[in-house]
Protein backbone atom coordinates (compact mmCIF):
# COMPACT_ATOMS: atom_id res chain seq x y z
CA MET A 1 148.89 -123.60 66.10
CA SER A 2 148.13 -121.19 68.94
CA ALA A 3 150.99 -119.40 70.73
CA SER A 4 150.56 -121.66 74.00
CA ALA A 5 150.48 -124.81 71.84
CA SER A 6 153.88 -123.95 70.19
CA GLY A 7 155.44 -122.65 73.53
CA ASP A 8 155.85 -119.21 71.86
CA THR A 9 154.14 -117.07 74.53
CA PRO A 10 155.20 -113.42 74.77
CA VAL A 11 157.41 -114.31 77.72
CA ASN A 12 159.28 -117.05 75.78
CA GLU A 13 159.56 -114.76 72.86
CA ALA A 14 161.10 -112.10 75.07
CA MET A 15 163.42 -114.67 76.81
CA SER A 16 164.46 -115.80 73.41
CA ALA A 17 165.20 -112.44 72.18
CA GLU A 18 167.20 -111.62 75.33
CA ARG A 19 169.13 -114.91 74.90
CA LYS A 20 170.07 -113.98 71.33
CA ARG A 21 171.36 -110.71 72.39
CA LEU A 22 173.35 -112.21 75.11
CA TYR A 23 174.80 -114.74 72.57
CA TRP A 24 175.69 -112.03 70.18
CA HIS A 25 177.35 -109.87 72.73
CA SER A 26 179.33 -112.75 74.15
CA ARG A 27 180.80 -113.27 70.67
CA ARG A 28 183.86 -111.07 70.83
CA GLY A 29 186.68 -109.92 68.39
CA MET A 30 188.99 -112.41 70.26
CA TRP A 31 188.45 -116.27 69.61
CA GLU A 32 189.91 -116.88 73.24
CA LEU A 33 187.05 -114.99 74.67
CA ASP A 34 184.53 -116.78 72.48
CA LEU A 35 185.83 -120.01 73.89
CA LEU A 36 185.25 -118.74 77.42
CA LEU A 37 181.95 -116.78 77.08
CA ILE A 38 179.75 -118.97 74.63
CA PRO A 39 180.11 -122.22 76.65
CA PHE A 40 179.56 -120.59 79.80
CA LEU A 41 176.31 -118.71 78.38
CA ASP A 42 175.10 -121.99 76.99
CA THR A 43 175.59 -124.10 80.05
CA GLN A 44 175.55 -122.09 83.09
CA TYR A 45 173.75 -118.67 82.59
CA GLU A 46 170.24 -119.98 83.33
CA GLN A 47 171.35 -121.41 86.62
CA LEU A 48 172.94 -118.13 87.90
CA SER A 49 171.14 -116.00 90.38
CA PRO A 50 169.63 -112.76 89.08
CA ALA A 51 172.53 -110.77 90.62
CA LEU A 52 175.15 -112.92 88.67
CA GLN A 53 173.22 -112.74 85.51
CA GLN A 54 173.29 -108.95 85.67
CA ASP A 55 177.02 -109.07 86.42
CA TYR A 56 177.46 -111.35 83.23
CA GLN A 57 175.35 -108.67 81.27
CA ARG A 58 177.63 -105.87 82.63
CA LEU A 59 180.79 -107.95 81.97
CA ILE A 60 180.07 -108.44 78.21
CA THR A 61 179.61 -104.58 77.69
CA LEU A 62 183.19 -104.10 78.60
CA GLU A 63 186.23 -103.95 76.43
CA ASP A 64 187.94 -107.17 74.90
CA GLN A 65 191.20 -106.36 76.15
CA ASP A 66 190.07 -105.98 79.70
CA LEU A 67 188.07 -109.15 79.55
CA PHE A 68 190.90 -111.13 78.30
CA GLY A 69 193.37 -109.76 81.00
CA TRP A 70 190.69 -110.67 83.72
CA LEU A 71 189.65 -113.99 82.33
CA MET A 72 193.35 -115.17 81.77
CA HIS A 73 194.07 -114.03 85.42
CA ARG A 74 196.63 -111.60 84.29
CA GLU A 75 194.99 -108.88 86.48
CA LYS A 76 192.08 -108.42 88.70
CA ALA A 77 188.87 -106.72 87.44
CA SER A 78 188.94 -103.08 87.87
CA ASP A 79 185.36 -103.39 89.32
CA PRO A 80 185.66 -106.12 92.29
CA SER A 81 182.06 -106.76 92.09
CA LEU A 82 182.59 -108.51 88.73
CA GLN A 83 185.29 -110.93 90.25
CA PRO A 84 182.78 -113.53 91.21
CA ILE A 85 181.30 -113.95 87.70
CA ILE A 86 184.80 -113.84 86.29
CA ASP A 87 185.88 -116.71 88.55
CA LEU A 88 182.75 -118.72 87.60
CA ILE A 89 183.51 -118.35 83.90
CA VAL A 90 187.12 -119.30 84.48
CA ASP A 91 186.23 -122.33 86.58
CA HIS A 92 183.66 -123.43 83.99
CA ALA A 93 186.37 -123.35 81.25
CA ARG A 94 188.85 -125.30 83.34
CA ASN A 95 186.29 -127.98 84.25
CA GLY A 96 184.06 -128.06 81.20
CA SER A 97 184.36 -129.69 77.81
CA LEU A 98 184.93 -127.36 74.88
CA ASP A 99 184.54 -130.25 72.10
CA GLN A 100 181.31 -128.93 70.90
CA TYR A 101 182.69 -125.25 70.35
CA GLN A 102 185.73 -126.32 68.19
CA GLY A 103 184.09 -124.72 65.12
CA LEU A 104 183.63 -121.20 66.85
């Protein structure tokens, strides 16, 4: 089967590799963060603007303790430019179903 017939074009392969990287970087050392980040990545990431996608990518490079404090609204992000993506993740968790993620 040719690459175009299978849908595995170089662009699709690169996007798939990027998506896998994002998924594994979204898996954290804290279960609570997994329950916030993985569902958001799965259902919302593709619809984000490129700027918000970049913010998400920056966010997942940061320390778990910082993410936990920000995502639990215990404190504001040290970088105010990250607050919009944090708010989107929190809103998604409040309004979305986590049933499919019970096994995380």
